[in-house]
Every structure is written in structure tokens, then in C-alpha cells.
């Protein structure tokens, strides 16, 4: 169980702070996004909250979540992208 918490914490930290070639500019505003993991029956299996600097970064994070499931990326009530499995 401790291992699954460690993996979850690692995944969470990677989503909140994605890899950057350049350091984040001071004072940049982080934006909230939601990635929905969609099952084969079309129902939501899980929701993952993302904090990203911009939409491009949110798409990169959501794309990394595709692992045999469709992922839909939203910001509030605006659908941004859908990544098929």
C-alpha cells in the first residue's frame, strides 16, 4: 500500500510540475484543468486535477495519461481536447 501511495504521489507531482527545459517565469499564473479517464463503455472512470501554466502544457500532461483509455481534457466547462487510446 505504501508503494501505491508513492506511485500516486509521484504521478501527482509530475502532473503539477511537468518537465520544463526552462525554469518557470516568476509570477506566472497556474491554471486548473481536469483530465477525465473514460472507460470502454463511455463512462468516467477517474478525474485527475491538473495545475499547468497554459493549455499546451495541460495537453502534454493529459496525453501522458493515455494508457489504454480515452482521456478528455477540460478547463471548467470548456472541452479542450480528447486523446483516444
N, C-alpha and C. Protein backbone atom coordinates (compact mmCIF):
# COMPACT_ATOMS: atom_id res chain seq x y z
N UNK A 1 0.82 -1.18 0.00
CA UNK A 1 0.00 0.00 0.00
C UNK A 1 0.87 1.25 0.00
N UNK A 2 1.96 1.25 0.73
CA UNK A 2 2.85 2.40 0.75
C UNK A 2 3.42 2.66 -0.64
N UNK A 3 3.68 1.57 -1.37
CA UNK A 3 4.22 1.72 -2.72
C UNK A 3 3.20 2.40 -3.62
N UNK A 4 1.92 2.03 -3.53
CA UNK A 4 0.91 2.65 -4.38
C UNK A 4 0.75 4.13 -4.04
N UNK A 5 0.87 4.50 -2.76
CA UNK A 5 0.82 5.91 -2.39
C UNK A 5 2.01 6.66 -2.97
N UNK A 6 3.18 6.02 -2.96
CA UNK A 6 4.38 6.65 -3.50
C UNK A 6 4.23 6.86 -5.00
N UNK A 7 3.69 5.87 -5.70
CA UNK A 7 3.49 5.99 -7.15
C UNK A 7 2.47 7.10 -7.42
N UNK A 8 1.39 7.12 -6.65
CA UNK A 8 0.37 8.15 -6.82
C UNK A 8 0.95 9.54 -6.57
N UNK A 9 1.73 9.68 -5.51
CA UNK A 9 2.35 10.97 -5.20
C UNK A 9 3.31 11.38 -6.30
N UNK A 10 4.05 10.41 -6.84
CA UNK A 10 5.00 10.71 -7.92
C UNK A 10 4.25 11.18 -9.16
N UNK A 11 3.17 10.47 -9.52
CA UNK A 11 2.37 10.86 -10.68
C UNK A 11 1.80 12.25 -10.46
N UNK A 12 1.25 12.49 -9.27
CA UNK A 12 0.66 13.78 -8.96
C UNK A 12 1.71 14.89 -9.09
N UNK A 13 2.89 14.67 -8.57
CA UNK A 13 3.91 15.71 -8.63
C UNK A 13 4.35 15.96 -10.08
N UNK A 14 4.36 14.93 -10.90
CA UNK A 14 4.72 15.11 -12.31
C UNK A 14 3.65 15.89 -13.04
N UNK A 15 2.40 15.71 -12.65
CA UNK A 15 1.34 16.43 -13.32
C UNK A 15 1.34 17.90 -12.92
N UNK A 16 1.61 18.16 -11.67
CA UNK A 16 1.59 19.54 -11.20
C UNK A 16 2.82 20.29 -11.69
N UNK A 17 3.94 19.64 -11.74
CA UNK A 17 5.17 20.28 -12.18
C UNK A 17 5.77 19.50 -13.35
N UNK A 18 5.21 19.65 -14.56
CA UNK A 18 5.75 18.92 -15.70
C UNK A 18 7.18 19.36 -16.02
N UNK A 19 7.87 18.52 -16.74
CA UNK A 19 9.25 18.82 -17.14
C UNK A 19 9.29 20.10 -17.96
N UNK A 20 10.25 20.92 -17.69
CA UNK A 20 10.45 22.16 -18.45
C UNK A 20 11.91 22.29 -18.82
N UNK A 21 12.15 22.71 -20.06
CA UNK A 21 13.52 22.98 -20.48
C UNK A 21 14.03 24.26 -19.85
N UNK A 22 13.10 25.20 -19.60
CA UNK A 22 13.46 26.46 -18.97
C UNK A 22 12.68 26.59 -17.67
N UNK A 23 13.24 27.26 -16.68
CA UNK A 23 12.51 27.44 -15.42
C UNK A 23 11.26 28.29 -15.63
N UNK A 24 10.27 28.07 -14.75
CA UNK A 24 9.03 28.84 -14.80
C UNK A 24 9.33 30.30 -14.50
N UNK A 25 8.67 31.18 -15.24
CA UNK A 25 8.83 32.62 -15.01
C UNK A 25 8.18 32.97 -13.68
N UNK A 26 8.83 33.79 -12.88
CA UNK A 26 8.25 34.17 -11.60
C UNK A 26 6.99 34.98 -11.85
N UNK A 27 6.00 34.74 -11.03
CA UNK A 27 4.74 35.46 -11.15
C UNK A 27 3.78 34.86 -12.17
N UNK A 28 4.16 33.73 -12.80
CA UNK A 28 3.25 33.14 -13.78
C UNK A 28 2.07 32.51 -13.05
N UNK A 29 0.91 32.64 -13.62
CA UNK A 29 -0.33 32.16 -13.01
C UNK A 29 -0.60 30.73 -13.45
N UNK A 30 -0.75 29.82 -12.49
CA UNK A 30 -1.09 28.44 -12.80
C UNK A 30 -2.60 28.35 -13.04
N UNK A 31 -2.99 27.52 -13.99
CA UNK A 31 -4.40 27.35 -14.33
C UNK A 31 -4.83 25.93 -14.00
N UNK A 32 -6.11 25.78 -13.66
CA UNK A 32 -6.66 24.48 -13.30
C UNK A 32 -7.32 23.82 -14.51
N UNK A 33 -7.04 22.54 -14.67
CA UNK A 33 -7.62 21.72 -15.72
C UNK A 33 -8.05 20.40 -15.10
N UNK A 34 -8.94 19.68 -15.77
CA UNK A 34 -9.35 18.34 -15.34
C UNK A 34 -9.16 17.38 -16.50
N UNK A 35 -8.54 16.26 -16.21
CA UNK A 35 -8.41 15.18 -17.20
C UNK A 35 -9.33 14.06 -16.74
N UNK A 36 -10.26 13.68 -17.59
CA UNK A 36 -11.20 12.60 -17.28
C UNK A 36 -10.75 11.34 -18.03
N UNK A 37 -10.58 10.27 -17.28
CA UNK A 37 -10.24 8.96 -17.86
C UNK A 37 -11.56 8.28 -18.18
N UNK A 38 -11.76 7.93 -19.45
CA UNK A 38 -13.02 7.37 -19.93
C UNK A 38 -12.86 5.88 -20.21
N UNK A 39 -13.76 5.09 -19.66
CA UNK A 39 -13.73 3.65 -19.85
C UNK A 39 -14.29 3.24 -21.21
N UNK A 40 -14.17 1.96 -21.55
CA UNK A 40 -14.65 1.47 -22.85
C UNK A 40 -16.15 1.65 -23.04
N UNK A 41 -16.90 1.75 -21.92
CA UNK A 41 -18.35 1.93 -22.02
C UNK A 41 -18.75 3.41 -22.12
N UNK A 42 -17.74 4.31 -22.15
CA UNK A 42 -18.02 5.74 -22.28
C UNK A 42 -18.23 6.47 -20.97
N UNK A 43 -18.18 5.75 -19.86
CA UNK A 43 -18.36 6.38 -18.55
C UNK A 43 -17.02 6.82 -17.97
N UNK A 44 -17.08 7.83 -17.11
CA UNK A 44 -15.87 8.34 -16.46
C UNK A 44 -15.39 7.34 -15.41
N UNK A 45 -14.11 6.95 -15.51
CA UNK A 45 -13.50 6.06 -14.54
C UNK A 45 -12.79 6.85 -13.43
N UNK A 46 -12.22 7.99 -13.81
CA UNK A 46 -11.41 8.76 -12.86
C UNK A 46 -11.29 10.20 -13.36
N UNK A 47 -11.05 11.10 -12.42
CA UNK A 47 -10.77 12.50 -12.75
C UNK A 47 -9.44 12.87 -12.12
N UNK A 48 -8.59 13.50 -12.89
CA UNK A 48 -7.29 13.93 -12.39
C UNK A 48 -7.20 15.43 -12.57
N UNK A 49 -7.00 16.14 -11.46
CA UNK A 49 -6.87 17.59 -11.49
C UNK A 49 -5.44 17.96 -11.86
N UNK A 50 -5.31 18.89 -12.78
CA UNK A 50 -4.00 19.34 -13.25
C UNK A 50 -3.83 20.82 -12.97
N UNK A 51 -2.65 21.21 -12.58
CA UNK A 51 -2.27 22.63 -12.47
C UNK A 51 -1.16 22.86 -13.48
N UNK A 52 -1.44 23.66 -14.48
CA UNK A 52 -0.48 23.88 -15.56
C UNK A 52 -0.39 25.36 -15.87
N UNK A 53 0.72 25.73 -16.48
CA UNK A 53 0.95 27.14 -16.82
C UNK A 53 0.07 27.60 -17.98
N UNK A 54 -0.21 26.68 -18.91
CA UNK A 54 -1.01 27.06 -20.08
C UNK A 54 -1.67 25.82 -20.68
N UNK A 55 -2.47 26.04 -21.70
CA UNK A 55 -3.22 24.95 -22.33
C UNK A 55 -2.31 23.92 -22.99
N UNK A 56 -1.25 24.39 -23.62
CA UNK A 56 -0.30 23.48 -24.27
C UNK A 56 0.29 22.51 -23.25
N UNK A 57 0.69 23.01 -22.11
CA UNK A 57 1.25 22.17 -21.05
C UNK A 57 0.20 21.19 -20.52
N UNK A 58 -1.05 21.63 -20.40
CA UNK A 58 -2.12 20.74 -19.94
C UNK A 58 -2.34 19.60 -20.92
N UNK A 59 -2.28 19.90 -22.22
CA UNK A 59 -2.43 18.85 -23.23
C UNK A 59 -1.31 17.84 -23.15
N UNK A 60 -0.09 18.30 -22.92
CA UNK A 60 1.04 17.38 -22.78
C UNK A 60 0.84 16.46 -21.57
N UNK A 61 0.37 17.00 -20.46
CA UNK A 61 0.12 16.19 -19.27
C UNK A 61 -0.98 15.18 -19.52
N UNK A 62 -2.08 15.60 -20.14
CA UNK A 62 -3.20 14.71 -20.41
C UNK A 62 -2.79 13.60 -21.37
N UNK A 63 -1.99 13.92 -22.36
CA UNK A 63 -1.54 12.92 -23.32
C UNK A 63 -0.73 11.81 -22.63
N UNK A 64 0.04 12.17 -21.61
CA UNK A 64 0.81 11.17 -20.87
C UNK A 64 -0.07 10.23 -20.06
N UNK A 65 -1.33 10.60 -19.84
CA UNK A 65 -2.25 9.76 -19.08
C UNK A 65 -2.91 8.67 -19.92
N UNK A 66 -2.82 8.79 -21.24
CA UNK A 66 -3.44 7.80 -22.12
C UNK A 66 -2.69 6.48 -21.96
N UNK A 67 -3.39 5.49 -21.43
CA UNK A 67 -2.80 4.17 -21.22
C UNK A 67 -3.90 3.13 -21.40
N UNK A 68 -4.36 3.00 -22.64
CA UNK A 68 -5.43 2.04 -22.92
C UNK A 68 -6.81 2.62 -22.69
N UNK A 69 -6.91 3.88 -22.26
CA UNK A 69 -8.19 4.53 -22.02
C UNK A 69 -8.20 5.87 -22.74
N UNK A 70 -9.36 6.33 -23.10
CA UNK A 70 -9.51 7.68 -23.67
C UNK A 70 -9.40 8.70 -22.55
N UNK A 71 -8.78 9.84 -22.83
CA UNK A 71 -8.65 10.92 -21.85
C UNK A 71 -9.25 12.18 -22.45
N UNK A 72 -10.15 12.82 -21.71
CA UNK A 72 -10.75 14.09 -22.13
C UNK A 72 -10.25 15.18 -21.21
N UNK A 73 -9.77 16.26 -21.80
CA UNK A 73 -9.22 17.38 -21.05
C UNK A 73 -10.20 18.54 -21.07
N UNK A 74 -10.50 19.05 -19.87
CA UNK A 74 -11.44 20.16 -19.71
C UNK A 74 -10.81 21.26 -18.86
N UNK A 75 -11.25 22.49 -19.10
CA UNK A 75 -10.97 23.61 -18.20
C UNK A 75 -12.33 24.22 -17.89
N UNK A 76 -12.75 24.05 -16.65
CA UNK A 76 -14.10 24.41 -16.20
C UNK A 76 -15.14 23.76 -17.11
N UNK A 77 -15.94 24.54 -17.84
CA UNK A 77 -16.98 23.97 -18.70
C UNK A 77 -16.58 23.96 -20.18
N UNK A 78 -15.29 24.11 -20.45
CA UNK A 78 -14.78 24.15 -21.83
C UNK A 78 -13.95 22.90 -22.13
N UNK A 79 -14.42 22.12 -23.10
CA UNK A 79 -13.66 20.94 -23.52
C UNK A 79 -12.51 21.39 -24.39
N UNK A 80 -11.31 20.94 -24.04
CA UNK A 80 -10.12 21.36 -24.75
C UNK A 80 -9.67 20.32 -25.77
N UNK A 81 -9.60 19.05 -25.34
CA UNK A 81 -9.09 18.02 -26.25
C UNK A 81 -9.56 16.64 -25.78
N UNK A 82 -9.50 15.71 -26.70
CA UNK A 82 -9.77 14.30 -26.41
C UNK A 82 -8.65 13.48 -27.02
N UNK A 83 -8.06 12.62 -26.22
CA UNK A 83 -6.96 11.76 -26.66
C UNK A 83 -7.46 10.32 -26.62
N UNK A 84 -7.53 9.71 -27.80
CA UNK A 84 -8.02 8.33 -27.91
C UNK A 84 -6.95 7.35 -27.47
N UNK A 85 -7.40 6.22 -26.97
CA UNK A 85 -6.48 5.17 -26.50
C UNK A 85 -5.73 4.53 -27.62
